[in-house]
């Protein structure tokens, strides 16, 4: 999505466009931001699941 927003393959333009990425994906909310001293990071927390009896079950 950042490349689409940047309309370029220029790394600087892509980096700047990453701050505009904000969407709900299959695995959760995706948004790049600066936090805790890190830059252009996504606070994405992946879900780990297993299949049990034909159903998805989250691992704890």
PDB file of N, CA and C in Angstrom:
ATOM      1  N   UNK A   1       0.824  -1.200   0.000  1.00  0.00           N
ATOM      2  CA  UNK A   1       0.000   0.000   0.000  1.00  0.00           C
ATOM      3  C   UNK A   1       0.863   1.256   0.000  1.00  0.00           C
ATOM      4  N   UNK A   2       1.991   1.241   0.694  1.00  0.00           N
ATOM      5  CA  UNK A   2       2.855   2.425   0.752  1.00  0.00           C
ATOM      6  C   UNK A   2       3.393   2.779  -0.631  1.00  0.00           C
ATOM      7  N   UNK A   3       3.723   1.767  -1.425  1.00  0.00           N
ATOM      8  CA  UNK A   3       4.218   2.036  -2.781  1.00  0.00           C
ATOM      9  C   UNK A   3       3.120   2.684  -3.623  1.00  0.00           C
ATOM     10  N   UNK A   4       1.899   2.206  -3.460  1.00  0.00           N
ATOM     11  CA  UNK A   4       0.776   2.814  -4.186  1.00  0.00           C
ATOM     12  C   UNK A   4       0.598   4.274  -3.777  1.00  0.00           C
ATOM     13  N   UNK A   5       0.663   4.535  -2.476  1.00  0.00           N
ATOM     14  CA  UNK A   5       0.508   5.906  -2.001  1.00  0.00           C
ATOM     15  C   UNK A   5       1.653   6.800  -2.465  1.00  0.00           C
ATOM     16  N   UNK A   6       2.875   6.256  -2.479  1.00  0.00           N
ATOM     17  CA  UNK A   6       4.045   7.025  -2.902  1.00  0.00           C
ATOM     18  C   UNK A   6       4.060   7.246  -4.407  1.00  0.00           C
ATOM     19  N   UNK A   7       3.416   6.371  -5.142  1.00  0.00           N
ATOM     20  CA  UNK A   7       3.434   6.393  -6.610  1.00  0.00           C
ATOM     21  C   UNK A   7       4.861   6.456  -7.129  1.00  0.00           C
ATOM     22  N   UNK A   8       5.723   5.676  -6.454  1.00  0.00           N
ATOM     23  CA  UNK A   8       7.143   5.686  -6.786  1.00  0.00           C
ATOM     24  C   UNK A   8       7.809   4.488  -6.124  1.00  0.00           C
ATOM     25  N   UNK A   9       8.977   4.115  -6.645  1.00  0.00           N
ATOM     26  CA  UNK A   9       9.803   3.100  -6.005  1.00  0.00           C
ATOM     27  C   UNK A   9      10.970   3.730  -5.247  1.00  0.00           C
ATOM     28  N   UNK A  10      10.943   5.050  -5.140  1.00  0.00           N
ATOM     29  CA  UNK A  10      11.970   5.782  -4.407  1.00  0.00           C
ATOM     30  C   UNK A  10      11.828   5.468  -2.917  1.00  0.00           C
ATOM     31  N   UNK A  11      12.882   4.923  -2.277  1.00  0.00           N
ATOM     32  CA  UNK A  11      12.798   4.534  -0.864  1.00  0.00           C
ATOM     33  C   UNK A  11      12.372   5.665   0.078  1.00  0.00           C
ATOM     34  N   UNK A  12      12.811   6.879  -0.176  1.00  0.00           N
ATOM     35  CA  UNK A  12      12.442   8.004   0.686  1.00  0.00           C
ATOM     36  C   UNK A  12      10.949   8.296   0.565  1.00  0.00           C
ATOM     37  N   UNK A  13      10.415   8.257  -0.646  1.00  0.00           N
ATOM     38  CA  UNK A  13       8.989   8.502  -0.847  1.00  0.00           C
ATOM     39  C   UNK A  13       8.150   7.379  -0.235  1.00  0.00           C
ATOM     40  N   UNK A  14       8.635   6.151  -0.334  1.00  0.00           N
ATOM     41  CA  UNK A  14       7.922   5.016   0.275  1.00  0.00           C
ATOM     42  C   UNK A  14       7.923   5.152   1.791  1.00  0.00           C
ATOM     43  N   UNK A  15       9.067   5.513   2.374  1.00  0.00           N
ATOM     44  CA  UNK A  15       9.163   5.714   3.828  1.00  0.00           C
ATOM     45  C   UNK A  15       8.176   6.777   4.285  1.00  0.00           C
ATOM     46  N   UNK A  16       8.091   7.869   3.568  1.00  0.00           N
ATOM     47  CA  UNK A  16       7.159   8.940   3.927  1.00  0.00           C
ATOM     48  C   UNK A  16       5.706   8.479   3.781  1.00  0.00           C
ATOM     49  N   UNK A  17       5.424   7.687   2.763  1.00  0.00           N
ATOM     50  CA  UNK A  17       4.063   7.198   2.521  1.00  0.00           C
ATOM     51  C   UNK A  17       3.633   6.176   3.575  1.00  0.00           C
ATOM     52  N   UNK A  18       4.584   5.495   4.197  1.00  0.00           N
ATOM     53  CA  UNK A  18       4.243   4.491   5.216  1.00  0.00           C
ATOM     54  C   UNK A  18       3.448   5.109   6.364  1.00  0.00           C
ATOM     55  N   UNK A  19       3.696   6.376   6.666  1.00  0.00           N
ATOM     56  CA  UNK A  19       2.974   7.035   7.757  1.00  0.00           C
ATOM     57  C   UNK A  19       1.504   7.267   7.408  1.00  0.00           C
ATOM     58  N   UNK A  20       1.155   7.131   6.127  1.00  0.00           N
ATOM     59  CA  UNK A  20      -0.234   7.309   5.697  1.00  0.00           C
ATOM     60  C   UNK A  20      -0.992   5.983   5.645  1.00  0.00           C
ATOM     61  N   UNK A  21      -0.263   4.874   5.778  1.00  0.00           N
ATOM     62  CA  UNK A  21      -0.903   3.556   5.731  1.00  0.00           C
ATOM     63  C   UNK A  21      -1.698   3.347   7.020  1.00  0.00           C
ATOM     64  N   UNK A  22      -2.971   3.068   6.875  1.00  0.00           N
ATOM     65  CA  UNK A  22      -3.850   2.844   8.026  1.00  0.00           C
ATOM     66  C   UNK A  22      -5.038   2.032   7.532  1.00  0.00           C
ATOM     67  N   UNK A  23      -5.000   0.734   7.754  1.00  0.00           N
ATOM     68  CA  UNK A  23      -6.117  -0.101   7.297  1.00  0.00           C
ATOM     69  C   UNK A  23      -6.291  -1.331   8.166  1.00  0.00           C
ATOM     70  N   UNK A  24      -7.451  -1.897   8.071  1.00  0.00           N
ATOM     71  CA  UNK A  24      -7.785  -3.118   8.783  1.00  0.00           C
ATOM     72  C   UNK A  24      -7.517  -4.282   7.840  1.00  0.00           C
ATOM     73  N   UNK A  25      -6.521  -5.097   8.143  1.00  0.00           N
ATOM     74  CA  UNK A  25      -6.176  -6.246   7.319  1.00  0.00           C
ATOM     75  C   UNK A  25      -6.757  -7.525   7.901  1.00  0.00           C
ATOM     76  N   UNK A  26      -6.478  -8.641   7.267  1.00  0.00           N
ATOM     77  CA  UNK A  26      -6.972  -9.925   7.745  1.00  0.00           C
ATOM     78  C   UNK A  26      -6.470 -10.256   9.145  1.00  0.00           C
ATOM     79  N   UNK A  27      -5.284  -9.822   9.454  1.00  0.00           N
ATOM     80  CA  UNK A  27      -4.677 -10.135  10.752  1.00  0.00           C
ATOM     81  C   UNK A  27      -4.823  -9.015  11.776  1.00  0.00           C
ATOM     82  N   UNK A  28      -5.477  -7.925  11.403  1.00  0.00           N
ATOM     83  CA  UNK A  28      -5.661  -6.841  12.362  1.00  0.00           C
ATOM     84  C   UNK A  28      -5.380  -5.476  11.765  1.00  0.00           C
ATOM     85  N   UNK A  29      -5.306  -4.485  12.635  1.00  0.00           N
ATOM     86  CA  UNK A  29      -5.100  -3.097  12.247  1.00  0.00           C
ATOM     87  C   UNK A  29      -3.634  -2.859  11.884  1.00  0.00           C
ATOM     88  N   UNK A  30      -3.409  -2.263  10.722  1.00  0.00           N
ATOM     89  CA  UNK A  30      -2.050  -1.983  10.250  1.00  0.00           C
ATOM     90  C   UNK A  30      -1.870  -0.472  10.171  1.00  0.00           C
ATOM     91  N   UNK A  31      -0.925   0.056  10.921  1.00  0.00           N
ATOM     92  CA  UNK A  31      -0.605   1.481  10.894  1.00  0.00           C
ATOM     93  C   UNK A  31       0.854   1.626  11.320  1.00  0.00           C
ATOM     94  N   UNK A  32       1.619   2.351  10.530  1.00  0.00           N
ATOM     95  CA  UNK A  32       3.032   2.585  10.837  1.00  0.00           C
ATOM     96  C   UNK A  32       3.159   3.921  11.548  1.00  0.00           C
ATOM     97  N   UNK A  33       3.913   3.921  12.653  1.00  0.00           N
ATOM     98  CA  UNK A  33       4.086   5.150  13.415  1.00  0.00           C
ATOM     99  C   UNK A  33       5.380   5.088  14.220  1.00  0.00           C
ATOM    100  N   UNK A  34       5.739   6.209  14.794  1.00  0.00           N
ATOM    101  CA  UNK A  34       6.918   6.274  15.663  1.00  0.00           C
ATOM    102  C   UNK A  34       6.472   6.053  17.101  1.00  0.00           C
ATOM    103  N   UNK A  35       7.173   5.179  17.840  1.00  0.00           N
ATOM    104  CA  UNK A  35       6.856   4.963  19.245  1.00  0.00           C
ATOM    105  C   UNK A  35       8.048   4.344  19.948  1.00  0.00           C
ATOM    106  N   UNK A  36       8.190   4.665  21.213  1.00  0.00           N
ATOM    107  CA  UNK A  36       9.234   4.116  22.079  1.00  0.00           C
ATOM    108  C   UNK A  36      10.629   4.190  21.462  1.00  0.00           C
ATOM    109  N   UNK A  37      10.905   5.290  20.770  1.00  0.00           N
ATOM    110  CA  UNK A  37      12.218   5.492  20.170  1.00  0.00           C
ATOM    111  C   UNK A  37      12.418   4.821  18.815  1.00  0.00           C
ATOM    112  N   UNK A  38      11.425   4.107  18.330  1.00  0.00           N
ATOM    113  CA  UNK A  38      11.507   3.458  17.021  1.00  0.00           C
ATOM    114  C   UNK A  38      10.732   4.279  16.003  1.00  0.00           C
ATOM    115  N   UNK A  39      11.155   4.198  14.754  1.00  0.00           N
ATOM    116  CA  UNK A  39      10.505   4.974  13.698  1.00  0.00           C
ATOM    117  C   UNK A  39       9.889   4.055  12.661  1.00  0.00           C
ATOM    118  N   UNK A  40       8.733   4.469  12.143  1.00  0.00           N
ATOM    119  CA  UNK A  40       8.023   3.741  11.079  1.00  0.00           C
ATOM    120  C   UNK A  40       7.803   2.277  11.434  1.00  0.00           C
ATOM    121  N   UNK A  41       7.293   2.045  12.623  1.00  0.00           N
ATOM    122  CA  UNK A  41       7.030   0.685  13.090  1.00  0.00           C
ATOM    123  C   UNK A  41       5.535   0.415  13.104  1.00  0.00           C
ATOM    124  N   UNK A  42       5.190  -0.841  12.962  1.00  0.00           N
ATOM    125  CA  UNK A  42       3.801  -1.263  13.042  1.00  0.00           C
ATOM    126  C   UNK A  42       3.630  -2.043  14.341  1.00  0.00           C
ATOM    127  N   UNK A  43       2.627  -1.684  15.128  1.00  0.00           N
ATOM    128  CA  UNK A  43       2.384  -2.377  16.397  1.00  0.00           C
ATOM    129  C   UNK A  43       1.560  -3.639  16.180  1.00  0.00           C
ATOM    130  N   UNK A  44       1.740  -4.259  15.059  1.00  0.00           N
ATOM    131  CA  UNK A  44       1.010  -5.465  14.690  1.00  0.00           C
ATOM    132  C   UNK A  44       1.367  -6.618  15.621  1.00  0.00           C
ATOM    133  N   UNK A  45       0.358  -7.262  16.150  1.00  0.00           N
ATOM    134  CA  UNK A  45       0.547  -8.431  17.002  1.00  0.00           C
ATOM    135  C   UNK A  45      -0.077  -9.625  16.274  1.00  0.00           C
ATOM    136  N   UNK A  46       0.747 -10.536  15.765  1.00  0.00           N
ATOM    137  CA  UNK A  46       0.187 -11.657  15.007  1.00  0.00           C
ATOM    138  C   UNK A  46      -0.602 -12.622  15.890  1.00  0.00           C
ATOM    139  N   UNK A  47      -1.618 -13.186  15.316  1.00  0.00           N
ATOM    140  CA  UNK A  47      -2.404 -14.209  16.010  1.00  0.00           C
ATOM    141  C   UNK A  47      -1.878 -15.578  15.571  1.00  0.00           C
ATOM    142  N   UNK A  48      -1.628 -16.442  16.525  1.00  0.00           N
ATOM    143  CA  UNK A  48      -1.166 -17.791  16.221  1.00  0.00           C
ATOM    144  C   UNK A  48      -2.316 -18.737  16.523  1.00  0.00           C
ATOM    145  N   UNK A  49      -2.710 -19.491  15.510  1.00  0.00           N
ATOM    146  CA  UNK A  49      -3.850 -20.387  15.677  1.00  0.00           C
ATOM    147  C   UNK A  49      -3.478 -21.813  15.295  1.00  0.00           C
ATOM    148  N   UNK A  50      -4.336 -22.736  15.697  1.00  0.00           N
ATOM    149  CA  UNK A  50      -4.202 -24.122  15.249  1.00  0.00           C
ATOM    150  C   UNK A  50      -5.590 -24.575  14.805  1.00  0.00           C
ATOM    151  N   UNK A  51      -5.618 -25.575  13.955  1.00  0.00           N
ATOM    152  CA  UNK A  51      -6.885 -26.145  13.514  1.00  0.00           C
ATOM    153  C   UNK A  51      -7.232 -27.300  14.431  1.00  0.00           C
ATOM    154  N   UNK A  52      -8.421 -27.266  14.975  1.00  0.00           N
ATOM    155  CA  UNK A  52      -8.866 -28.315  15.883  1.00  0.00           C
ATOM    156  C   UNK A  52     -10.328 -28.636  15.564  1.00  0.00           C
ATOM    157  N   UNK A  53     -10.581 -29.845  15.094  1.00  0.00           N
ATOM    158  CA  UNK A  53     -11.942 -30.241  14.744  1.00  0.00           C
ATOM    159  C   UNK A  53     -12.544 -29.396  13.642  1.00  0.00           C
ATOM    160  N   UNK A  54     -11.717 -28.923  12.712  1.00  0.00           N
ATOM    161  CA  UNK A  54     -12.205 -28.098  11.608  1.00  0.00           C
ATOM    162  C   UNK A  54     -12.403 -26.636  11.970  1.00  0.00           C
ATOM    163  N   UNK A  55     -12.001 -26.243  13.164  1.00  0.00           N
ATOM    164  CA  UNK A  55     -12.148 -24.855  13.619  1.00  0.00           C
ATOM    165  C   UNK A  55     -10.795 -24.253  13.957  1.00  0.00           C
ATOM    166  N   UNK A  56     -10.699 -22.939  13.789  1.00  0.00           N
ATOM    167  CA  UNK A  56      -9.488 -22.227  14.198  1.00  0.00           C
ATOM    168  C   UNK A  56      -9.560 -21.969  15.695  1.00  0.00           C
ATOM    169  N   UNK A  57      -8.489 -22.314  16.392  1.00  0.00           N
ATOM    170  CA  UNK A  57      -8.425 -22.135  17.840  1.00  0.00           C
ATOM    171  C   UNK A  57      -7.153 -21.348  18.153  1.00  0.00           C
ATOM    172  N   UNK A  58      -7.266 -20.180  18.839  1.00  0.00           N
ATOM    173  CA  UNK A  58      -6.061 -19.411  19.184  1.00  0.00           C
ATOM    174  C   UNK A  58      -5.189 -20.166  20.177  1.00  0.00           C
ATOM    175  N   UNK A  59      -3.880 -20.100  19.956  1.00  0.00           N
ATOM    176  CA  UNK A  59      -2.937 -20.689  20.914  1.00  0.00           C
ATOM    177  C   UNK A  59      -2.707 -19.689  22.031  1.00  0.00           C
ATOM    178  N   UNK A  60      -2.588 -20.191  23.231  1.00  0.00           N
ATOM    179  CA  UNK A  60      -2.370 -19.306  24.388  1.00  0.00           C
ATOM    180  C   UNK A  60      -0.975 -19.451  24.912  1.00  0.00           C
TER     181      UNK A  60
END
